[in-house]
Amino acid sequence: MHIPNVNWVYNLSGVFNIVTIDKAYQIKNPNTAAHTTVAWLQALFHVLATASVLPNSIRDFKGYMHFIDINRNL
């Protein structure tokens, strides 16, 4: 995963506590720009909404795990 430049004027890392993702299937692939962008935000909590609730493969589930892992800082 690419690490954003913290000195970049448009850096939004850590600015949001909660990020809501509609059509969450678009972030299941960790090799996409959408997944990387949401990960860069480093929100404390993610709400993932999708009509495709069942993953097609274990790889899809692994892509979601980055965003549904327990955050003990809450």
N, C-alpha and C. Protein backbone atom coordinates (compact mmCIF):
# COMPACT_ATOMS: atom_id res chain seq x y z
N MET A 1 0.84 -1.18 0.00
CA MET A 1 0.00 0.00 0.00
C MET A 1 0.88 1.24 0.00
N HIS A 2 0.51 2.21 -0.80
CA HIS A 2 1.25 3.46 -0.90
C HIS A 2 0.94 4.33 0.33
N ILE A 3 1.96 4.93 0.89
CA ILE A 3 1.79 5.80 2.06
C ILE A 3 1.77 7.25 1.58
N PRO A 4 0.71 8.01 1.92
CA PRO A 4 0.62 9.38 1.44
C PRO A 4 1.63 10.30 2.12
N ASN A 5 1.96 11.35 1.44
CA ASN A 5 2.87 12.36 1.96
C ASN A 5 2.10 13.21 2.98
N VAL A 6 2.48 13.16 4.24
CA VAL A 6 1.77 13.89 5.29
C VAL A 6 1.90 15.40 5.15
N ASN A 7 2.85 15.88 4.38
CA ASN A 7 3.02 17.32 4.17
C ASN A 7 2.23 17.84 2.97
N TRP A 8 1.55 16.94 2.26
CA TRP A 8 0.76 17.32 1.10
C TRP A 8 -0.39 18.21 1.57
N VAL A 9 -0.62 19.33 0.91
CA VAL A 9 -1.61 20.31 1.34
C VAL A 9 -3.03 19.72 1.36
N TYR A 10 -3.31 18.71 0.56
CA TYR A 10 -4.65 18.11 0.50
C TYR A 10 -4.74 16.82 1.31
N ASN A 11 -3.81 16.56 2.17
CA ASN A 11 -3.81 15.34 2.98
C ASN A 11 -4.99 15.37 3.95
N LEU A 12 -5.86 14.36 3.89
CA LEU A 12 -7.02 14.26 4.76
C LEU A 12 -6.88 13.14 5.79
N SER A 13 -5.69 12.62 5.92
CA SER A 13 -5.45 11.52 6.85
C SER A 13 -5.76 11.93 8.28
N GLY A 14 -6.64 11.17 8.94
CA GLY A 14 -6.96 11.42 10.33
C GLY A 14 -7.95 12.56 10.57
N VAL A 15 -8.48 13.16 9.52
CA VAL A 15 -9.41 14.28 9.67
C VAL A 15 -10.82 13.79 10.04
N PHE A 16 -11.20 12.61 9.53
CA PHE A 16 -12.56 12.10 9.73
C PHE A 16 -12.59 11.02 10.79
N ASN A 17 -13.59 11.07 11.68
CA ASN A 17 -13.78 10.01 12.66
C ASN A 17 -14.57 8.86 12.06
N ILE A 18 -15.60 9.19 11.27
CA ILE A 18 -16.47 8.18 10.65
C ILE A 18 -16.51 8.42 9.15
N VAL A 19 -16.32 7.35 8.38
CA VAL A 19 -16.43 7.41 6.93
C VAL A 19 -17.49 6.40 6.52
N THR A 20 -18.49 6.85 5.76
CA THR A 20 -19.54 5.97 5.26
C THR A 20 -19.29 5.70 3.79
N ILE A 21 -19.27 4.43 3.43
CA ILE A 21 -19.02 4.03 2.05
C ILE A 21 -20.27 3.35 1.51
N ASP A 22 -20.94 3.98 0.55
CA ASP A 22 -22.04 3.35 -0.16
C ASP A 22 -21.43 2.61 -1.35
N LYS A 23 -22.01 1.50 -1.73
CA LYS A 23 -21.46 0.64 -2.78
C LYS A 23 -20.06 0.16 -2.38
N ALA A 24 -19.98 -0.39 -1.19
CA ALA A 24 -18.70 -0.80 -0.61
C ALA A 24 -17.97 -1.85 -1.43
N TYR A 25 -18.67 -2.53 -2.34
CA TYR A 25 -17.99 -3.51 -3.18
C TYR A 25 -16.87 -2.87 -3.99
N GLN A 26 -16.93 -1.55 -4.15
CA GLN A 26 -15.90 -0.86 -4.92
C GLN A 26 -14.58 -0.74 -4.18
N ILE A 27 -14.57 -1.02 -2.88
CA ILE A 27 -13.32 -0.93 -2.12
C ILE A 27 -12.80 -2.30 -1.69
N LYS A 28 -13.43 -3.38 -2.15
CA LYS A 28 -13.01 -4.71 -1.70
C LYS A 28 -11.67 -5.14 -2.28
N ASN A 29 -11.29 -4.58 -3.42
CA ASN A 29 -10.01 -4.92 -4.03
C ASN A 29 -8.94 -3.93 -3.53
N PRO A 30 -7.97 -4.40 -2.73
CA PRO A 30 -6.96 -3.49 -2.18
C PRO A 30 -6.03 -2.88 -3.23
N ASN A 31 -6.12 -3.32 -4.47
CA ASN A 31 -5.25 -2.79 -5.53
C ASN A 31 -5.91 -1.64 -6.29
N THR A 32 -7.08 -1.19 -5.84
CA THR A 32 -7.78 -0.11 -6.54
C THR A 32 -7.52 1.24 -5.87
N ALA A 33 -7.72 2.29 -6.63
CA ALA A 33 -7.57 3.64 -6.11
C ALA A 33 -8.62 3.93 -5.04
N ALA A 34 -9.83 3.39 -5.21
CA ALA A 34 -10.90 3.62 -4.22
C ALA A 34 -10.51 3.06 -2.86
N HIS A 35 -10.01 1.84 -2.83
CA HIS A 35 -9.58 1.20 -1.58
C HIS A 35 -8.44 2.02 -0.94
N THR A 36 -7.47 2.37 -1.73
CA THR A 36 -6.32 3.13 -1.24
C THR A 36 -6.75 4.48 -0.67
N THR A 37 -7.66 5.15 -1.35
CA THR A 37 -8.13 6.47 -0.91
C THR A 37 -8.83 6.38 0.44
N VAL A 38 -9.73 5.40 0.59
CA VAL A 38 -10.43 5.24 1.87
C VAL A 38 -9.45 4.86 2.98
N ALA A 39 -8.48 4.02 2.66
CA ALA A 39 -7.48 3.64 3.66
C ALA A 39 -6.65 4.85 4.09
N TRP A 40 -6.32 5.73 3.15
CA TRP A 40 -5.54 6.93 3.46
C TRP A 40 -6.25 7.83 4.46
N LEU A 41 -7.56 7.82 4.47
CA LEU A 41 -8.31 8.68 5.38
C LEU A 41 -8.06 8.33 6.85
N GLN A 42 -7.72 7.08 7.11
CA GLN A 42 -7.43 6.60 8.47
C GLN A 42 -8.51 7.02 9.46
N ALA A 43 -9.77 6.76 9.08
CA ALA A 43 -10.89 7.07 9.97
C ALA A 43 -10.92 6.08 11.13
N LEU A 44 -11.52 6.50 12.24
CA LEU A 44 -11.65 5.62 13.39
C LEU A 44 -12.71 4.55 13.17
N PHE A 45 -13.71 4.85 12.35
CA PHE A 45 -14.83 3.94 12.15
C PHE A 45 -15.31 4.02 10.71
N HIS A 46 -15.63 2.87 10.11
CA HIS A 46 -16.14 2.82 8.74
C HIS A 46 -17.52 2.18 8.73
N VAL A 47 -18.44 2.78 8.00
CA VAL A 47 -19.76 2.19 7.76
C VAL A 47 -19.75 1.76 6.30
N LEU A 48 -19.87 0.45 6.07
CA LEU A 48 -19.86 -0.09 4.71
C LEU A 48 -21.26 -0.53 4.33
N ALA A 49 -21.81 0.05 3.28
CA ALA A 49 -23.15 -0.30 2.80
C ALA A 49 -23.04 -0.88 1.40
N THR A 50 -23.68 -2.03 1.20
CA THR A 50 -23.66 -2.66 -0.10
C THR A 50 -24.85 -3.59 -0.25
N ALA A 51 -25.33 -3.75 -1.46
CA ALA A 51 -26.40 -4.71 -1.74
C ALA A 51 -25.79 -6.10 -1.95
N SER A 52 -24.49 -6.16 -2.18
CA SER A 52 -23.78 -7.43 -2.38
C SER A 52 -23.16 -7.85 -1.06
N VAL A 53 -23.99 -8.36 -0.15
CA VAL A 53 -23.51 -8.63 1.20
C VAL A 53 -22.60 -9.85 1.28
N LEU A 54 -22.76 -10.80 0.39
CA LEU A 54 -21.91 -11.98 0.42
C LEU A 54 -20.74 -11.81 -0.53
N PRO A 55 -19.53 -12.01 -0.04
CA PRO A 55 -18.36 -11.90 -0.93
C PRO A 55 -18.35 -13.04 -1.93
N ASN A 56 -17.77 -12.79 -3.08
CA ASN A 56 -17.65 -13.82 -4.11
C ASN A 56 -16.52 -14.79 -3.80
N SER A 57 -15.55 -14.33 -3.06
CA SER A 57 -14.40 -15.18 -2.72
C SER A 57 -13.80 -14.69 -1.41
N ILE A 58 -12.89 -15.48 -0.87
CA ILE A 58 -12.20 -15.09 0.36
C ILE A 58 -11.37 -13.83 0.14
N ARG A 59 -10.92 -13.63 -1.08
CA ARG A 59 -10.13 -12.43 -1.42
C ARG A 59 -10.97 -11.16 -1.24
N ASP A 60 -12.27 -11.23 -1.60
CA ASP A 60 -13.16 -10.09 -1.39
C ASP A 60 -13.27 -9.77 0.09
N PHE A 61 -13.43 -10.80 0.91
CA PHE A 61 -13.56 -10.60 2.35
C PHE A 61 -12.29 -9.98 2.93
N LYS A 62 -11.14 -10.43 2.45
CA LYS A 62 -9.88 -9.86 2.93
C LYS A 62 -9.78 -8.37 2.60
N GLY A 63 -10.34 -7.96 1.45
CA GLY A 63 -10.33 -6.55 1.07
C GLY A 63 -11.15 -5.70 2.03
N TYR A 64 -12.26 -6.27 2.53
CA TYR A 64 -13.09 -5.55 3.49
C TYR A 64 -12.47 -5.52 4.88
N MET A 65 -11.69 -6.50 5.22
CA MET A 65 -11.14 -6.63 6.58
C MET A 65 -10.35 -5.40 7.03
N HIS A 66 -9.72 -4.73 6.09
CA HIS A 66 -8.96 -3.52 6.44
C HIS A 66 -9.88 -2.47 7.08
N PHE A 67 -11.14 -2.48 6.68
CA PHE A 67 -12.07 -1.45 7.14
C PHE A 67 -13.01 -1.92 8.26
N ILE A 68 -13.08 -3.22 8.51
CA ILE A 68 -13.98 -3.70 9.57
C ILE A 68 -13.23 -4.30 10.74
N ASP A 69 -11.93 -4.18 10.74
CA ASP A 69 -11.13 -4.67 11.85
C ASP A 69 -11.45 -3.86 13.10
N ILE A 70 -11.32 -4.47 14.25
CA ILE A 70 -11.61 -3.80 15.51
C ILE A 70 -10.61 -2.67 15.75
N ASN A 71 -11.14 -1.50 16.07
CA ASN A 71 -10.30 -0.35 16.44
C ASN A 71 -10.47 -0.12 17.93
N ARG A 72 -9.51 -0.46 18.69
CA ARG A 72 -9.62 -0.38 20.14
C ARG A 72 -9.54 1.05 20.67
N ASN A 73 -9.30 2.04 19.81
CA ASN A 73 -9.23 3.44 20.24
C ASN A 73 -10.61 4.08 20.37
N LEU A 74 -11.67 3.36 19.98
CA LEU A 74 -13.01 3.97 20.03
C LEU A 74 -13.44 4.18 21.44
